[in-house]
Amino acid sequence: MKRIYSLDVLRGLAIFIMVFVDAVPGGIAYPIFIHAPWEGLTFADLAFPGFVFTMGLSAAVSLARRNPSTKKILKRAAILFAIGIVFNMLPSIFAWLILDDFTGANLYAGTIENLRIFGILQRLALTYAFGLLLARAIRNDLGIFLAAFGLLIVSSLGFHVYAPDNPFDQMHNISRAVDLIFPGENRIYWSTHDPDSLYGTIASTASFLFGFLAGKVLLDRAALRDKIFLLGAAGGILLVVGGIWSSFDIIAKEIWTAPFALITSGVEVLLFVALIKFLDARPNSKRFFQPLAAVGMNPLFFFLLTNVGLVLLNTIPSPNEGMGFYVWFFISTFSHLITPEFGSMIFCLLWCVLWLPIAEVLYKMNVTIKI
């Protein structure tokens, strides 16, 4: 089975946005490029669920090619989870190598005693294993659809049953309660919660399953026009249901609520439909999307590569004591372009573009680095 170009583009776009958002220097950016602190939805909040959705979509395509054993699925998830933990340790490792200070305080790891257990890669690992095993066990499309909504209902009920008076209070909700049990208060990202916590995996698995179903539609033998119509209708329904659900639950990436999963999945479905239709109507436009397709061919590799680069540059000292080289360089240069926010946008775009030649070389050589 040939590679699906629109899938590579969508996956590459998700990673491009994730890298762009991670590259924001010192929190200086237009509000849409910064995650909502608790409730709400910004452009930045579409990045991670976008990749979870494409992971589900890719899983459906991969499953059509070969049926991996449960052992292989769990092995891949375990490797991805372990890489995530090692990544969390990188700031301390770099601090020890460069600054001779292994206990240097940072947001990612700090000391071994408060090493963060969860993270983006860990959330992806758990969602991938749980979602794929569930989809493979059910097989029936309607069953998978019902399972996705069942997970969202379970997630929502957990908040309302645990704290019926104020289900989504930052300091008193079921997601935080689970965090305090595991991995523990000293091992979470923020003092109030961990944005990639164990409880949030319930709803993120639903996002994965919505992507999986989109992949099943894509692989169907029906006419392209019919598939586009079905996906477009599904995307619209997800948005409407998510909007209605938001009357009862907040829209929040930080705890991956049910409305958040529905709305972001709806956006991703409609974006996927737009890409399929556009690329089918204008095949020559593939040249324009080539950089995204190249990144989408090795998404996790580029996510890791760019983030390791960020950790390294933030560890290297600058002439301004107490400020990493990365932020110092931005403040000394691009922050003076019209406004600091505008300069930040250009700075982040250039950071993303910096890695495209590597992606293009791997794409031309047809090299796929599987993680």
Foldseek 3Di string as FASTA:
>chain_A
DDDDLLLLLLLLVLLLLQLLLVLQFPPFADVLSHADPWFDHHVSLLNLLSNLLSLLLVLLVVVVVDNDDLVVLLVQLVVLQVVLLVLLQLLLVLCCVAVVHSQDDDLRQRHVVQHARDDSSNLSSLLSSVLSVVCVVVVDLVVLLVQLVVLQVVLLVQQCVQPVVCSRDQQGHPQQVVVCVPPRQSRARDNRHHLSGPSLSSNSSSSSSLSNSLSVLVPDPDDPVVSLVVLLVQLVVLLVVLVVCCVPPGQTSSSNHNSVSSNSSSVSSNVSSVSVVVCVVPVVCVVVSVLSSLCSLAVVVVSVVLVSVVSNQQSDDDPPPPGGNSSVVLVVPQCPPVHNNVSSSVVSSVSSVVCSVVSVVCVVVVHHDDD
